[in-house]
Protein backbone atom coordinates (compact mmCIF):
# COMPACT_ATOMS: atom_id res chain seq x y z
CA MET A 1 0.73 -0.04 -0.37
CA SER A 2 1.31 3.42 -0.75
CA ALA A 3 1.92 6.23 1.85
CA VAL A 4 -0.63 8.15 1.12
CA PHE A 5 -3.18 5.26 1.57
CA ALA A 6 -1.40 3.99 4.62
CA VAL A 7 -2.23 7.56 6.23
CA LEU A 8 -5.48 7.47 5.15
CA LEU A 9 -6.47 4.48 6.47
CA VAL A 10 -5.00 5.17 10.01
CA THR A 11 -6.33 8.79 9.99
CA GLY A 12 -9.43 8.12 8.72
CA GLY A 13 -9.48 11.54 6.67
CA GLU A 14 -13.08 12.87 5.50
CA LYS A 15 -12.86 13.47 2.09
CA ILE A 16 -9.65 13.50 0.44
CA THR A 17 -8.61 13.99 -3.35
CA LEU A 18 -6.78 11.30 -5.23
CA PRO A 19 -4.98 11.08 -8.67
CA PRO A 20 -7.57 9.51 -11.80
CA VAL A 21 -5.81 6.41 -12.04
CA ILE A 22 -5.45 4.01 -9.41
CA VAL A 23 -3.83 0.90 -9.48
CA MET A 24 -4.16 -2.19 -7.52
CA VAL A 25 -1.10 -4.93 -7.26
CA PRO A 26 0.50 -7.39 -5.06
CA LEU A 27 3.85 -6.09 -4.21
CA SER A 28 4.08 -7.63 -0.44
CA GLY A 29 5.57 -11.12 0.34
CA GLU A 30 5.09 -14.05 -2.64
CA ILE A 31 3.00 -12.97 -5.19
CA ALA A 32 5.31 -9.63 -5.27
CA PRO A 33 6.28 -10.38 -8.56
CA LEU A 34 3.79 -10.51 -10.05
CA GLY A 35 2.59 -6.78 -9.16
CA GLU A 36 6.27 -5.63 -10.11
CA GLU A 37 5.95 -7.27 -13.86
CA PHE A 38 2.52 -5.71 -14.18
CA LEU A 39 3.70 -2.43 -13.70
CA ARG A 40 6.86 -2.56 -16.16
CA GLY A 41 4.35 -2.76 -18.14
CA TRP A 42 2.02 -0.17 -17.33
CA ARG A 43 4.74 2.41 -17.17
CA MET A 44 6.33 1.50 -20.49
CA ALA A 45 2.60 1.76 -21.78
CA VAL A 46 1.66 5.50 -19.66
CA GLY A 47 4.75 7.15 -19.26
CA ASP A 48 4.17 10.01 -17.81
CA ALA A 49 0.80 10.55 -19.53
CA LEU A 50 -1.06 10.50 -16.48
CA GLU A 51 -1.70 10.57 -13.19
CA TYR A 52 -1.90 7.80 -11.06
CA GLU A 53 -1.42 5.75 -7.80
CA VAL A 54 0.19 2.36 -6.81
CA VAL A 55 -1.38 1.12 -4.01
CA ASP A 56 0.47 -2.66 -2.37
CA THR A 57 -2.95 -5.07 -2.35
CA TYR A 58 -1.28 -7.27 -0.40
CA GLY A 59 -2.97 -10.24 -2.67
CA SER A 60 -5.89 -9.67 0.50
CA PRO A 61 -9.55 -8.84 -0.32
CA ASP A 62 -9.68 -7.43 2.54
CA SER A 63 -7.20 -4.85 1.70
CA VAL A 64 -8.56 -4.15 -1.63
CA LEU A 65 -11.69 -3.58 -0.17
CA LYS A 66 -10.42 -0.72 2.36
CA VAL A 67 -8.65 0.58 -0.02
CA LEU A 68 -11.72 1.23 -2.20
CA GLU A 69 -13.86 1.82 -0.06
CA LEU A 70 -11.30 5.12 0.14
CA VAL A 71 -11.47 5.88 -3.68
CA ALA A 72 -15.01 5.46 -4.09
CA GLY A 73 -15.43 8.52 -1.35
CA ALA A 74 -12.78 9.95 -2.82
CA GLN A 75 -12.02 13.37 -5.17
CA GLY A 76 -10.51 12.70 -8.37
CA PRO A 77 -9.82 8.91 -8.77
CA SER A 78 -12.16 7.87 -11.94
CA LEU A 79 -10.58 4.69 -12.89
CA VAL A 80 -9.59 1.70 -10.86
CA VAL A 81 -6.87 -1.41 -12.71
CA GLY A 82 -6.61 -4.47 -11.01
CA PRO A 83 -6.61 -5.98 -8.20
CA LEU A 84 -4.68 -8.34 -10.42
CA LEU A 85 -5.87 -11.94 -8.54
CA SER A 86 -9.30 -13.66 -9.01
CA VAL A 87 -9.38 -14.04 -5.13
CA THR A 88 -9.36 -10.09 -5.08
CA SER A 89 -11.18 -8.47 -7.93
CA LEU A 90 -14.40 -11.05 -7.48
CA PRO A 91 -14.97 -9.01 -4.35
CA ALA A 92 -13.06 -5.59 -6.15
CA ALA A 93 -16.45 -6.24 -9.13
CA GLU A 94 -19.27 -6.73 -6.74
CA PHE A 95 -18.08 -3.40 -5.13
CA ALA A 96 -16.84 -1.38 -8.21
CA MET A 97 -20.39 -2.33 -9.77
CA ARG A 98 -22.23 -0.79 -6.18
CA ASN A 99 -20.41 1.92 -6.16
CA ARG A 100 -20.52 2.84 -10.15
CA LEU A 101 -17.09 2.64 -10.25
CA PRO A 102 -14.96 2.36 -13.40
CA ILE A 103 -13.04 -1.07 -12.81
CA LEU A 104 -10.39 -3.13 -14.94
CA LEU A 105 -9.56 -6.43 -13.99
CA PRO A 106 -6.74 -7.21 -16.55
CA THR A 107 -5.33 -10.85 -15.46
CA ALA A 108 -7.82 -12.43 -13.19
CA THR A 109 -9.21 -16.02 -14.70
CA ASP A 110 -12.91 -16.03 -13.49
CA LEU A 111 -15.35 -16.31 -15.54
CA ARG A 112 -17.98 -14.75 -12.73
CA LEU A 113 -16.31 -11.78 -13.46
CA GLY A 114 -18.54 -11.16 -16.52
CA THR A 115 -21.75 -10.76 -14.32
CA PHE A 116 -21.24 -7.91 -12.92
CA GLY A 117 -22.49 -5.13 -15.20
CA SER A 118 -21.39 -1.77 -17.39
CA TYR A 119 -18.77 -0.51 -14.49
CA VAL A 120 -16.49 -3.81 -14.47
CA PHE A 121 -14.46 -4.38 -17.52
CA PRO A 122 -12.44 -7.90 -16.97
CA PHE A 123 -9.86 -8.54 -19.53
CA ASN A 124 -11.43 -11.98 -20.25
CA TYR A 125 -15.15 -10.61 -20.83
CA ASN A 126 -14.71 -12.21 -24.46
CA LEU A 127 -14.17 -15.59 -23.19
CA PHE A 128 -17.45 -15.19 -20.95
CA LEU A 129 -19.73 -14.25 -24.12
CA GLU A 130 -17.68 -16.74 -26.21
CA THR A 131 -18.71 -19.80 -24.42
CA ALA A 132 -22.00 -18.65 -23.67
CA TYR A 133 -22.41 -18.73 -27.75
CA ILE A 134 -20.91 -21.63 -27.67
CA MET A 135 -23.50 -23.16 -25.24
CA GLU A 136 -26.95 -21.70 -26.07
CA VAL A 137 -26.52 -21.48 -30.20
CA MET A 138 -23.93 -23.52 -31.33
CA GLY A 139 -25.30 -26.53 -28.75
CA GLU A 140 -28.80 -25.68 -30.90
CA ARG A 141 -26.44 -26.32 -34.11
CA VAL A 142 -23.87 -29.70 -33.73
CA GLY A 143 -26.35 -31.16 -30.68
CA LYS A 144 -26.02 -30.34 -27.02
CA THR A 145 -25.41 -34.61 -25.68
CA GLY A 146 -21.85 -36.08 -25.10
CA TRP A 147 -19.51 -33.31 -25.29
CA LEU A 148 -16.20 -33.80 -24.31
CA LEU A 149 -14.18 -30.82 -22.63
CA LEU A 150 -10.23 -30.79 -24.02
CA TYR A 151 -7.77 -28.46 -22.67
CA PRO A 152 -4.53 -27.25 -21.62
CA ASP A 153 -3.96 -27.55 -17.23
CA MET A 154 -3.63 -23.33 -17.58
CA ALA A 155 -5.11 -21.50 -15.43
CA GLY A 156 -7.35 -19.92 -17.51
CA GLU A 157 -8.50 -22.86 -19.68
CA ARG A 158 -9.56 -24.41 -16.24
CA ALA A 159 -11.54 -21.20 -15.58
CA VAL A 160 -13.38 -21.86 -18.47
CA ILE A 161 -14.11 -24.95 -17.95
CA GLN A 162 -15.04 -24.71 -14.54
CA TRP A 163 -17.42 -22.06 -16.04
CA LEU A 164 -19.36 -24.35 -18.98
CA ILE A 165 -19.53 -27.10 -16.26
CA SER A 166 -21.21 -24.96 -14.00
CA GLN A 167 -23.94 -23.31 -16.48
CA ALA A 168 -23.70 -26.53 -19.11
CA GLY A 169 -27.85 -27.94 -17.17
CA GLU A 170 -29.03 -24.44 -18.15
CA PHE A 171 -28.29 -24.94 -21.56
CA GLY A 172 -29.30 -28.42 -21.76
CA ILE A 173 -25.12 -29.54 -22.35
CA THR A 174 -24.62 -32.86 -21.47
CA ILE A 175 -20.76 -33.87 -20.29
CA LEU A 176 -19.46 -37.10 -21.31
CA ASP A 177 -16.03 -36.86 -20.49
CA THR A 178 -12.80 -34.41 -19.52
CA VAL A 179 -9.48 -34.64 -20.62
CA VAL A 180 -6.10 -32.56 -19.65
CA TYR A 181 -3.54 -32.54 -21.43
CA SER A 182 -0.10 -30.89 -20.58
CA GLU A 183 1.79 -28.59 -23.19
CA THR A 184 4.85 -28.89 -22.52
CA ASN A 185 5.37 -32.83 -22.10
CA MET A 186 2.75 -34.53 -24.63
CA VAL A 187 2.61 -37.11 -27.21
CA TYR A 188 -0.68 -35.73 -30.16
CA ASP A 189 -1.59 -38.93 -31.59
CA ALA A 190 -1.61 -40.80 -28.18
CA LEU A 191 -3.77 -37.68 -27.51
CA ALA A 192 -5.67 -38.23 -30.02
CA LYS A 193 -6.23 -41.59 -29.46
CA THR A 194 -7.78 -40.95 -25.95
CA VAL A 195 -10.22 -38.63 -27.50
CA VAL A 196 -10.98 -40.87 -30.11
CA ASN A 197 -11.75 -43.92 -27.75
CA LYS A 198 -14.29 -41.71 -25.72
CA GLY A 199 -16.32 -41.62 -28.86
CA PRO A 200 -17.20 -37.95 -28.49
CA ASN A 201 -20.10 -36.22 -30.32
CA VAL A 202 -19.01 -32.65 -29.97
CA ILE A 203 -15.66 -31.58 -28.54
CA PHE A 204 -15.28 -28.27 -26.37
CA ALA A 205 -11.29 -27.28 -26.92
CA PRO A 206 -11.51 -23.52 -25.66
CA SER A 207 -7.47 -23.49 -25.78
CA GLY A 208 -5.76 -22.64 -29.70
CA SER A 209 -2.65 -22.93 -29.53
CA ARG A 210 0.51 -24.76 -31.96
CA ALA A 211 -0.47 -27.99 -29.03
CA SER A 212 -4.62 -27.95 -29.73
CA ALA A 213 -3.66 -26.93 -33.03
CA LEU A 214 -1.34 -30.81 -33.41
CA VAL A 215 -4.15 -32.84 -31.40
CA PHE A 216 -6.40 -31.36 -33.71
CA LEU A 217 -4.66 -32.68 -36.40
CA SER A 218 -4.00 -35.71 -35.41
CA LEU A 219 -7.71 -36.60 -34.50
CA ARG A 220 -8.89 -35.95 -38.32
CA LYS A 221 -5.45 -38.44 -39.03
CA ARG A 222 -8.00 -40.50 -37.05
CA GLY A 223 -10.53 -39.94 -39.06
CA LEU A 224 -12.55 -38.31 -36.21
CA LYS A 225 -15.48 -35.87 -37.44
CA SER A 226 -17.24 -34.70 -34.51
CA PRO A 227 -17.10 -30.94 -34.39
CA VAL A 228 -14.35 -29.29 -32.85
CA LEU A 229 -15.72 -25.73 -30.81
CA GLY A 230 -12.72 -23.38 -29.74
CA LEU A 231 -12.41 -19.80 -28.57
CA ASP A 232 -10.48 -16.27 -30.11
CA SER A 233 -6.73 -18.25 -29.22
CA TRP A 234 -7.35 -20.70 -32.40
CA LEU A 235 -8.07 -17.18 -34.70
CA SER A 236 -3.76 -16.67 -34.34
CA PRO A 237 -2.02 -16.59 -37.15
CA ASP A 238 -0.30 -19.55 -36.38
CA VAL A 239 -2.73 -21.58 -35.55
CA ALA A 240 -5.17 -20.41 -38.13
CA GLY A 241 -2.02 -21.27 -40.57
CA LEU A 242 -1.09 -24.78 -39.02
CA ILE A 243 -4.75 -26.12 -39.12
CA SER A 244 -5.77 -24.31 -42.89
CA GLY A 245 -5.12 -27.44 -44.79
CA ALA A 246 -7.58 -29.75 -42.50
CA MET A 247 -10.63 -30.63 -42.72
CA GLY A 248 -13.57 -29.12 -41.48
CA GLY A 249 -15.71 -29.11 -38.34
CA LEU A 250 -13.95 -26.48 -36.51
CA TYR A 251 -16.08 -23.65 -35.32
CA VAL A 252 -14.36 -20.76 -33.34
CA VAL A 253 -16.25 -17.46 -31.54
CA GLY A 254 -14.16 -14.70 -31.27
CA PRO A 255 -14.06 -11.02 -31.50
CA GLU A 256 -14.83 -9.72 -35.31
CA ARG A 257 -11.02 -9.55 -36.77
CA GLY A 258 -11.36 -6.25 -38.94
CA ASP A 259 -9.37 -5.97 -41.99
CA PHE A 260 -5.51 -6.88 -42.99
CA MET A 261 -4.59 -3.60 -41.60
CA ALA A 262 -5.94 -3.39 -38.60
CA ARG A 263 -5.19 -6.63 -38.30
CA ALA A 264 -0.99 -5.80 -39.39
CA LEU A 265 -1.38 -2.99 -37.16
CA ALA A 266 -1.87 -4.95 -34.19
CA GLN A 267 1.23 -7.23 -35.05
CA ALA A 268 3.72 -4.44 -35.18
CA GLN A 269 2.44 -2.65 -32.03
CA LYS A 270 2.82 -6.50 -30.71
CA GLU A 271 5.92 -6.64 -32.11
CA GLU A 272 7.74 -2.84 -31.23
CA PHE A 273 6.86 -3.56 -27.41
CA ASP A 274 8.61 -6.52 -27.40
CA GLU A 275 11.44 -5.22 -29.00
CA ARG A 276 11.10 -2.36 -26.79
CA TYR A 277 10.94 -4.74 -23.84
CA ARG A 278 13.74 -6.96 -24.59
CA GLU A 279 16.10 -3.43 -24.98
CA LYS A 280 14.60 -2.23 -21.38
CA PHE A 281 15.40 -5.50 -19.37
CA GLY A 282 16.93 -7.59 -20.86
CA SER A 283 14.67 -10.48 -21.10
CA ALA A 284 10.79 -11.36 -23.35
CA PRO A 285 7.60 -9.93 -21.46
CA SER A 286 5.61 -12.44 -19.57
CA GLY A 287 1.97 -12.02 -20.55
CA VAL A 288 1.39 -10.14 -17.16
CA ALA A 289 3.96 -7.55 -18.68
CA GLY A 290 1.62 -7.52 -21.65
CA LYS A 291 -1.55 -6.81 -19.55
CA GLY A 292 0.00 -3.95 -17.81
CA TYR A 293 0.53 -2.48 -21.00
CA ASP A 294 -2.62 -2.75 -22.36
CA ALA A 295 -3.86 -1.61 -18.92
CA GLY A 296 -1.97 1.26 -19.29
CA GLY A 297 -3.14 1.95 -22.86
CA ILE A 298 -6.66 1.75 -22.25
CA ALA A 299 -6.09 4.16 -19.50
CA LYS A 300 -4.63 6.41 -21.61
CA GLU A 301 -7.32 6.51 -24.07
CA VAL A 302 -9.78 6.92 -21.43
CA CYS A 303 -8.46 9.23 -18.51
CA PHE A 304 -6.50 11.53 -20.55
CA ASP A 305 -8.66 14.92 -20.15
CA LYS A 306 -9.20 13.12 -16.27
CA PRO A 307 -12.79 12.72 -16.91
CA ASP A 308 -15.80 11.87 -14.13
CA ARG A 309 -16.31 8.28 -13.56
CA GLU A 310 -19.21 8.55 -15.90
CA THR A 311 -17.55 9.08 -18.70
CA VAL A 312 -14.72 6.59 -18.25
CA LYS A 313 -17.37 3.87 -17.93
CA ARG A 314 -19.10 5.70 -21.60
CA ARG A 315 -15.43 5.85 -22.90
CA LEU A 316 -14.53 2.13 -22.04
CA LEU A 317 -17.81 0.85 -23.73
CA LEU A 318 -17.87 2.86 -26.69
CA MET A 319 -14.21 1.68 -27.23
CA GLY A 320 -15.69 -1.65 -28.32
CA VAL A 321 -12.62 -3.94 -29.06
CA TYR A 322 -9.13 -2.52 -27.95
CA ARG A 323 -6.24 -4.21 -30.34
CA GLY A 324 -3.85 -4.85 -27.15
CA VAL A 325 -0.48 -6.66 -27.50
CA THR A 326 -1.81 -9.64 -25.48
CA GLY A 327 -4.58 -9.87 -28.29
CA ASP A 328 -8.43 -8.24 -28.43
CA ILE A 329 -9.55 -7.44 -25.39
CA MET A 330 -13.42 -6.53 -25.69
CA LEU A 331 -14.60 -3.39 -23.42
CA SER A 332 -17.91 -3.32 -24.65
CA LYS A 333 -20.84 -5.57 -23.37
CA ASP A 334 -22.19 -5.95 -27.10
CA PRO A 335 -22.00 -9.54 -28.60
CA GLY A 336 -22.98 -8.13 -31.46
CA LEU A 337 -19.07 -7.71 -31.58
CA LEU A 338 -17.97 -11.43 -31.69
CA ALA A 339 -18.99 -13.37 -34.80
CA LEU A 340 -18.44 -16.60 -36.20
CA TYR A 341 -15.25 -18.48 -37.81
CA ILE A 342 -15.97 -22.02 -39.58
CA LEU A 343 -12.84 -24.05 -40.80
CA LYS A 344 -13.51 -24.28 -44.36
CA LYS A 345 -10.76 -24.99 -47.63
CA GLY A 346 -7.96 -22.16 -47.08
CA GLY A 347 -8.72 -21.56 -43.62
CA LEU A 348 -11.09 -19.83 -41.09
CA LYS A 349 -14.00 -18.48 -42.41
CA LYS A 350 -16.59 -16.27 -40.89
CA ASP A 351 -19.96 -17.18 -41.14
CA GLU A 352 -22.12 -14.44 -42.33
CA ASN A 353 -25.01 -16.26 -40.92
CA TYR A 354 -23.46 -15.96 -37.49
CA GLY A 355 -26.52 -14.80 -35.19
CA LYS A 356 -29.10 -14.87 -36.83
CA GLU A 357 -30.27 -18.37 -35.60
CA LYS A 358 -31.02 -17.21 -32.36
CA GLY A 359 -30.07 -14.40 -31.55
CA LYS A 360 -26.75 -13.63 -29.91
CA PRO A 361 -26.56 -13.94 -25.90
């Protein structure tokens, strides 16, 4: 916690004035490196363009809520960035919703964060909407029974699977089995054999990566024709290129990719960030540093003139999809910004009938 906040918590000051942006990250204990890495990216993006205060959350929900109470009652703050962990982000999201305080949640993985309304902006909101569409509309299209959940043992993917399992009953989805794999130690053909032997009607494989693509190719090689449903990471150029010549049956939901120029500019921005980070710190940026950089870029766009909280909320919603160095970040709550892509000859092609079958979630 910053010295400013420590003094205020002790003295219990009444009306206080704080900078327009409050950044809440862990800077103490075992998880301090997480906060430090986030701030590296944040400072690279923001520089001197914004006034902000960094607050140590200690990774504690109680500390987070105490700070948020001060921020909500203060003059000046119009945006909170963080906290970073799901255990602290969930109570922070509830507080922000009740107190109409715009908050960016860049790294928390829990998809329940997507349920807190228009003042709460988790960077994984697209996954929340995409998973809802997969269950509601694609369930009708490819079948609701015998779903096999195939995913790597990573935090983000586990969060997606937990959310789907918790909601499957509401959409009439029945789960056949789950298959979890390690992307660093796997034999693709053996994993494909395991999946084929389970006889799934539908495969939900949220994670798009080189490993996922090779598993998909192995499944098709073994003759499994069951439809495979995926989320937006399947749209990355590396993954899409690997599977472009494969037999179809892959359906991917993700933010509208935009035209070639928009994608080229986003890729150039990522390459520039990677190069600058390596020059400054002597290593490749982590995903957390990238999230910090993207959070800083968003904050600069919405808080440049010290606006009030309602203005910040409107600007975030109107921003739509932010093309960041870590991928597309959906800030709008409008599912109309998503698109459905189907693997056809030559690669993943946008389905022009997306959303017309049953409306979007």
